[in-house]
């Protein structure tokens, strides 16, 4: 169950326990639990492992399609991973420091990539 589905189930259970759950409320809750949802992904490349570090590149996958960000970084929806977190994105992967380049002469590292998700 997703966090949103857990919240819906908890709300329904609370209303049932309080005796305030109506037939309409139950129908709406069940519809919300069974709704077809998609996972959106946000790949953020930052200047360090800190969630407050500046983003230098991003890619978003929404509705199964890649959504290109604006060309100007000042127009990006987020300037730091923390901005995205505060907008409801959940971090599912933090930068893996084992994959980082050891120096500027060692370009095989992946950088500081955060992967976030949101369900829509």
N, C-alpha and C. Protein backbone atom coordinates (compact mmCIF):
# COMPACT_ATOMS: atom_id res chain seq x y z
N UNK A 1 0.84 -1.18 0.00
CA UNK A 1 0.00 0.00 0.00
C UNK A 1 0.89 1.24 0.00
N UNK A 2 0.52 2.23 -0.80
CA UNK A 2 1.27 3.49 -0.83
C UNK A 2 0.95 4.29 0.44
N UNK A 3 1.76 5.29 0.77
CA UNK A 3 1.45 6.13 1.93
C UNK A 3 0.08 6.80 1.82
N UNK A 4 -0.28 7.20 0.60
CA UNK A 4 -1.59 7.84 0.41
C UNK A 4 -2.72 6.85 0.66
N UNK A 5 -2.55 5.60 0.18
CA UNK A 5 -3.57 4.58 0.41
C UNK A 5 -3.67 4.25 1.89
N UNK A 6 -2.54 4.21 2.58
CA UNK A 6 -2.56 3.96 4.03
C UNK A 6 -3.31 5.06 4.76
N UNK A 7 -3.12 6.31 4.33
CA UNK A 7 -3.82 7.43 4.95
C UNK A 7 -5.33 7.33 4.71
N UNK A 8 -5.72 6.94 3.50
CA UNK A 8 -7.15 6.77 3.19
C UNK A 8 -7.74 5.66 4.04
N UNK A 9 -7.04 4.53 4.14
CA UNK A 9 -7.52 3.41 4.95
C UNK A 9 -7.65 3.81 6.42
N UNK A 10 -6.68 4.56 6.93
CA UNK A 10 -6.73 5.01 8.32
C UNK A 10 -7.90 5.96 8.55
N UNK A 11 -8.16 6.84 7.58
CA UNK A 11 -9.30 7.75 7.70
C UNK A 11 -10.61 6.98 7.71
N UNK A 12 -10.74 6.01 6.81
CA UNK A 12 -11.97 5.20 6.78
C UNK A 12 -12.15 4.44 8.09
N UNK A 13 -11.07 3.86 8.60
CA UNK A 13 -11.15 3.12 9.86
C UNK A 13 -11.52 4.05 11.01
N UNK A 14 -10.95 5.25 11.03
CA UNK A 14 -11.30 6.21 12.07
C UNK A 14 -12.76 6.61 12.03
N UNK A 15 -13.28 6.85 10.83
CA UNK A 15 -14.69 7.20 10.69
C UNK A 15 -15.59 6.02 11.08
N UNK A 16 -15.16 4.80 10.72
CA UNK A 16 -15.94 3.62 11.10
C UNK A 16 -15.99 3.48 12.61
N UNK A 17 -14.82 3.63 13.27
CA UNK A 17 -14.75 3.49 14.72
C UNK A 17 -15.58 4.55 15.43
N UNK A 18 -15.64 5.75 14.84
CA UNK A 18 -16.41 6.85 15.44
C UNK A 18 -17.89 6.76 15.10
N UNK A 19 -18.24 5.85 14.20
CA UNK A 19 -19.63 5.72 13.78
C UNK A 19 -20.08 6.79 12.81
N UNK A 20 -19.14 7.45 12.15
CA UNK A 20 -19.49 8.55 11.24
C UNK A 20 -19.29 8.19 9.77
N UNK A 21 -18.93 6.95 9.48
CA UNK A 21 -18.68 6.54 8.10
C UNK A 21 -20.00 6.32 7.37
N UNK A 22 -20.25 7.14 6.37
CA UNK A 22 -21.48 7.01 5.58
C UNK A 22 -21.23 6.08 4.40
N UNK A 23 -22.31 5.65 3.77
CA UNK A 23 -22.19 4.81 2.57
C UNK A 23 -21.45 5.58 1.48
N UNK A 24 -21.76 6.86 1.33
CA UNK A 24 -21.10 7.68 0.32
C UNK A 24 -19.60 7.83 0.64
N UNK A 25 -19.28 8.05 1.90
CA UNK A 25 -17.88 8.16 2.31
C UNK A 25 -17.12 6.87 2.05
N UNK A 26 -17.78 5.74 2.30
CA UNK A 26 -17.15 4.45 2.02
C UNK A 26 -16.91 4.27 0.53
N UNK A 27 -17.90 4.62 -0.30
CA UNK A 27 -17.74 4.51 -1.77
C UNK A 27 -16.59 5.38 -2.26
N UNK A 28 -16.54 6.62 -1.77
CA UNK A 28 -15.46 7.53 -2.19
C UNK A 28 -14.09 7.02 -1.73
N UNK A 29 -14.03 6.51 -0.51
CA UNK A 29 -12.77 5.98 0.00
C UNK A 29 -12.30 4.77 -0.78
N UNK A 30 -13.22 3.86 -1.10
CA UNK A 30 -12.85 2.68 -1.89
C UNK A 30 -12.42 3.07 -3.30
N UNK A 31 -13.10 4.05 -3.89
CA UNK A 31 -12.71 4.52 -5.22
C UNK A 31 -11.30 5.11 -5.19
N UNK A 32 -10.99 5.87 -4.14
CA UNK A 32 -9.66 6.47 -4.01
C UNK A 32 -8.59 5.39 -3.81
N UNK A 33 -8.94 4.34 -3.05
CA UNK A 33 -7.99 3.25 -2.84
C UNK A 33 -7.70 2.48 -4.11
N UNK A 34 -8.70 2.35 -4.97
CA UNK A 34 -8.57 1.54 -6.19
C UNK A 34 -8.21 2.36 -7.42
N UNK A 35 -8.07 3.66 -7.27
CA UNK A 35 -7.80 4.53 -8.43
C UNK A 35 -6.51 4.12 -9.13
N UNK A 36 -6.53 4.21 -10.45
CA UNK A 36 -5.34 3.92 -11.26
C UNK A 36 -4.36 5.07 -11.08
N UNK A 37 -3.20 4.74 -10.55
CA UNK A 37 -2.22 5.78 -10.27
C UNK A 37 -0.91 5.44 -10.96
N UNK A 38 -0.14 6.47 -11.25
CA UNK A 38 1.16 6.30 -11.90
C UNK A 38 2.25 6.90 -11.03
N UNK A 39 3.38 6.26 -11.12
CA UNK A 39 4.55 6.77 -10.41
C UNK A 39 5.28 7.75 -11.33
N UNK A 40 5.45 8.98 -10.86
CA UNK A 40 6.27 9.97 -11.56
C UNK A 40 7.65 9.96 -10.90
N UNK A 41 8.68 10.14 -11.70
CA UNK A 41 10.05 10.13 -11.19
C UNK A 41 10.74 11.45 -11.50
N UNK A 42 11.60 11.87 -10.60
CA UNK A 42 12.37 13.09 -10.78
C UNK A 42 13.83 12.76 -10.48
N UNK A 43 14.68 12.89 -11.50
CA UNK A 43 16.11 12.65 -11.35
C UNK A 43 16.80 14.01 -11.23
N UNK A 44 17.48 14.22 -10.11
CA UNK A 44 18.16 15.49 -9.88
C UNK A 44 19.65 15.25 -9.69
N UNK A 45 20.47 15.94 -10.45
CA UNK A 45 21.92 15.89 -10.28
C UNK A 45 22.32 17.18 -9.58
N UNK A 46 22.96 17.03 -8.42
CA UNK A 46 23.28 18.18 -7.58
C UNK A 46 24.79 18.34 -7.44
N UNK A 47 25.18 19.42 -6.78
CA UNK A 47 26.61 19.72 -6.61
C UNK A 47 27.25 18.97 -5.44
N UNK A 48 26.42 18.35 -4.58
CA UNK A 48 26.95 17.55 -3.46
C UNK A 48 25.87 16.58 -3.00
N UNK A 49 26.16 15.84 -1.95
CA UNK A 49 25.19 14.89 -1.41
C UNK A 49 24.14 15.55 -0.52
N UNK A 50 24.29 16.82 -0.24
CA UNK A 50 23.36 17.52 0.63
C UNK A 50 22.04 17.81 -0.08
N UNK A 51 20.91 17.56 0.58
CA UNK A 51 19.62 17.90 -0.03
C UNK A 51 19.45 19.39 -0.30
N UNK A 52 20.27 20.22 0.32
CA UNK A 52 20.17 21.66 0.08
C UNK A 52 21.16 22.15 -0.98
N UNK A 53 21.84 21.21 -1.65
CA UNK A 53 22.81 21.60 -2.68
C UNK A 53 22.11 22.00 -3.97
N UNK A 54 22.79 22.79 -4.76
CA UNK A 54 22.25 23.31 -6.03
C UNK A 54 22.09 22.19 -7.06
N UNK A 55 20.99 22.20 -7.78
CA UNK A 55 20.76 21.23 -8.86
C UNK A 55 21.47 21.73 -10.12
N UNK A 56 22.17 20.81 -10.81
CA UNK A 56 22.87 21.16 -12.04
C UNK A 56 22.23 20.50 -13.27
N UNK A 57 21.40 19.49 -13.05
CA UNK A 57 20.69 18.83 -14.16
C UNK A 57 19.47 18.12 -13.59
N UNK A 58 18.45 18.00 -14.42
CA UNK A 58 17.25 17.29 -13.97
C UNK A 58 16.54 16.64 -15.15
N UNK A 59 15.83 15.56 -14.83
CA UNK A 59 14.95 14.89 -15.78
C UNK A 59 13.73 14.44 -15.00
N UNK A 60 12.55 14.60 -15.60
CA UNK A 60 11.31 14.18 -14.95
C UNK A 60 10.59 13.21 -15.87
N UNK A 61 10.05 12.16 -15.28
CA UNK A 61 9.21 11.21 -16.00
C UNK A 61 7.82 11.34 -15.39
N UNK A 62 6.85 11.76 -16.20
CA UNK A 62 5.48 11.96 -15.73
C UNK A 62 4.53 11.25 -16.69
N UNK A 63 3.65 10.44 -16.13
CA UNK A 63 2.69 9.74 -16.98
C UNK A 63 3.36 8.82 -17.99
N UNK A 64 4.52 8.29 -17.65
CA UNK A 64 5.24 7.39 -18.53
C UNK A 64 6.01 8.06 -19.65
N UNK A 65 6.12 9.39 -19.60
CA UNK A 65 6.84 10.12 -20.65
C UNK A 65 7.88 11.05 -20.02
N UNK A 66 9.00 11.22 -20.73
CA UNK A 66 10.03 12.14 -20.26
C UNK A 66 9.58 13.57 -20.53
N UNK A 67 9.65 14.39 -19.50
CA UNK A 67 9.27 15.81 -19.59
C UNK A 67 10.55 16.62 -19.49
N UNK A 68 10.88 17.33 -20.55
CA UNK A 68 12.10 18.13 -20.56
C UNK A 68 11.92 19.38 -19.69
N UNK A 69 12.95 19.71 -18.89
CA UNK A 69 12.85 20.94 -18.09
C UNK A 69 13.09 22.16 -18.97
N UNK A 70 12.74 23.34 -18.50
CA UNK A 70 13.06 24.56 -19.25
C UNK A 70 14.56 24.64 -19.50
N UNK A 71 14.95 25.27 -20.60
CA UNK A 71 16.37 25.38 -20.95
C UNK A 71 17.16 26.20 -19.93
N UNK A 72 16.54 27.22 -19.38
CA UNK A 72 17.20 28.09 -18.41
C UNK A 72 17.04 27.51 -17.00
N UNK A 73 18.14 27.15 -16.33
CA UNK A 73 18.05 26.60 -14.97
C UNK A 73 17.30 27.49 -13.99
N UNK A 74 17.31 28.79 -14.21
CA UNK A 74 16.57 29.69 -13.32
C UNK A 74 15.06 29.45 -13.40
N UNK A 75 14.61 28.83 -14.51
CA UNK A 75 13.19 28.56 -14.69
C UNK A 75 12.79 27.15 -14.24
N UNK A 76 13.75 26.36 -13.75
CA UNK A 76 13.43 25.01 -13.29
C UNK A 76 12.49 25.10 -12.09
N UNK A 77 11.62 24.11 -11.92
CA UNK A 77 10.68 24.17 -10.79
C UNK A 77 11.37 24.05 -9.43
N UNK A 78 12.58 23.48 -9.41
CA UNK A 78 13.31 23.30 -8.15
C UNK A 78 14.76 23.70 -8.36
N UNK A 79 15.33 24.33 -7.35
CA UNK A 79 16.74 24.71 -7.39
C UNK A 79 17.60 23.78 -6.53
N UNK A 80 16.96 23.07 -5.60
CA UNK A 80 17.65 22.10 -4.73
C UNK A 80 16.75 20.88 -4.57
N UNK A 81 17.33 19.73 -4.21
CA UNK A 81 16.48 18.57 -3.90
C UNK A 81 15.50 18.88 -2.76
N UNK A 82 15.92 19.70 -1.81
CA UNK A 82 15.04 20.05 -0.70
C UNK A 82 13.78 20.79 -1.18
N UNK A 83 13.92 21.62 -2.21
CA UNK A 83 12.75 22.29 -2.79
C UNK A 83 11.74 21.26 -3.29
N UNK A 84 12.23 20.21 -3.95
CA UNK A 84 11.34 19.16 -4.47
C UNK A 84 10.69 18.38 -3.33
N UNK A 85 11.47 18.09 -2.29
CA UNK A 85 10.93 17.38 -1.13
C UNK A 85 9.82 18.20 -0.49
N UNK A 86 10.03 19.50 -0.36
CA UNK A 86 9.01 20.38 0.23
C UNK A 86 7.77 20.51 -0.64
N UNK A 87 7.88 20.11 -1.91
CA UNK A 87 6.74 20.14 -2.83
C UNK A 87 6.05 18.78 -2.91
N UNK A 88 6.42 17.84 -2.03
CA UNK A 88 5.73 16.56 -1.97
C UNK A 88 6.43 15.39 -2.64
N UNK A 89 7.61 15.60 -3.21
CA UNK A 89 8.36 14.50 -3.80
C UNK A 89 9.03 13.71 -2.68
N UNK A 90 9.05 12.37 -2.81
CA UNK A 90 9.71 11.48 -1.85
C UNK A 90 11.03 11.01 -2.42
N UNK A 91 12.10 11.08 -1.63
CA UNK A 91 13.40 10.58 -2.08
C UNK A 91 13.37 9.05 -2.02
N UNK A 92 13.68 8.41 -3.15
CA UNK A 92 13.77 6.95 -3.15
C UNK A 92 15.22 6.49 -3.33
N UNK A 93 16.10 7.40 -3.71
CA UNK A 93 17.53 7.07 -3.79
C UNK A 93 18.36 8.33 -3.57
N UNK A 94 19.28 8.23 -2.61
CA UNK A 94 20.23 9.31 -2.36
C UNK A 94 21.48 9.05 -3.20
N UNK A 95 22.32 10.05 -3.38
CA UNK A 95 23.55 9.83 -4.13
C UNK A 95 24.36 8.67 -3.54
N UNK A 96 24.80 7.79 -4.41
CA UNK A 96 25.61 6.65 -4.01
C UNK A 96 27.07 7.06 -4.10
N UNK A 97 27.67 7.32 -2.96
CA UNK A 97 29.04 7.83 -2.95
C UNK A 97 30.05 6.82 -3.49
N UNK A 98 29.69 5.54 -3.54
CA UNK A 98 30.59 4.54 -4.11
C UNK A 98 30.73 4.72 -5.62
N UNK A 99 29.78 5.43 -6.25
CA UNK A 99 29.80 5.62 -7.69
C UNK A 99 30.39 6.97 -8.11
N UNK A 100 30.84 7.75 -7.16
CA UNK A 100 31.34 9.09 -7.48
C UNK A 100 32.72 9.04 -8.11
N UNK A 101 33.00 10.00 -8.95
CA UNK A 101 34.34 10.14 -9.53
C UNK A 101 35.32 10.49 -8.42
N UNK A 102 36.49 9.91 -8.48
CA UNK A 102 37.50 10.19 -7.46
C UNK A 102 38.21 11.51 -7.69
N UNK A 103 38.23 11.95 -8.95
CA UNK A 103 38.87 13.22 -9.27
C UNK A 103 38.34 13.71 -10.61
N UNK A 104 38.73 14.91 -11.00
CA UNK A 104 38.31 15.44 -12.30
C UNK A 104 38.87 14.61 -13.45
N UNK A 105 39.97 13.90 -13.19
CA UNK A 105 40.58 13.05 -14.21
C UNK A 105 39.92 11.67 -14.29
N UNK A 106 38.98 11.40 -13.40
CA UNK A 106 38.30 10.09 -13.35
C UNK A 106 36.82 10.31 -13.62
N UNK A 107 36.43 10.44 -14.90
CA UNK A 107 35.06 10.82 -15.23
C UNK A 107 34.04 9.69 -15.18
N UNK A 108 34.39 8.52 -14.63
CA UNK A 108 33.44 7.42 -14.67
C UNK A 108 32.37 7.47 -13.59
N UNK A 109 32.48 8.40 -12.66
CA UNK A 109 31.46 8.51 -11.63
C UNK A 109 30.18 9.11 -12.15
N UNK A 110 29.10 8.91 -11.42
CA UNK A 110 27.79 9.39 -11.84
C UNK A 110 27.42 10.74 -11.25
N UNK A 111 28.17 11.23 -10.31
CA UNK A 111 27.82 12.50 -9.70
C UNK A 111 26.85 12.31 -8.54
N UNK A 112 26.23 13.37 -8.14
CA UNK A 112 25.37 13.38 -6.96
C UNK A 112 23.91 13.31 -7.41
N UNK A 113 23.43 12.11 -7.69
CA UNK A 113 22.08 11.93 -8.24
C UNK A 113 21.08 11.57 -7.15
N UNK A 114 20.04 12.38 -7.04
CA UNK A 114 18.90 12.08 -6.18
C UNK A 114 17.78 11.59 -7.10
N UNK A 115 17.08 10.54 -6.67
CA UNK A 115 15.91 10.07 -7.42
C UNK A 115 14.72 10.21 -6.48
N UNK A 116 13.69 10.90 -6.96
CA UNK A 116 12.50 11.15 -6.16
C UNK A 116 11.27 10.62 -6.89
N UNK A 117 10.21 10.35 -6.13
CA UNK A 117 8.97 9.87 -6.73
C UNK A 117 7.78 10.64 -6.19
N UNK A 118 6.74 10.64 -7.00
CA UNK A 118 5.45 11.21 -6.61
C UNK A 118 4.40 10.38 -7.34
N UNK A 119 3.32 10.08 -6.68
CA UNK A 119 2.25 9.30 -7.31
C UNK A 119 1.16 10.23 -7.79
N UNK A 120 0.73 10.02 -9.03
CA UNK A 120 -0.33 10.88 -9.58
C UNK A 120 -1.43 10.02 -10.17
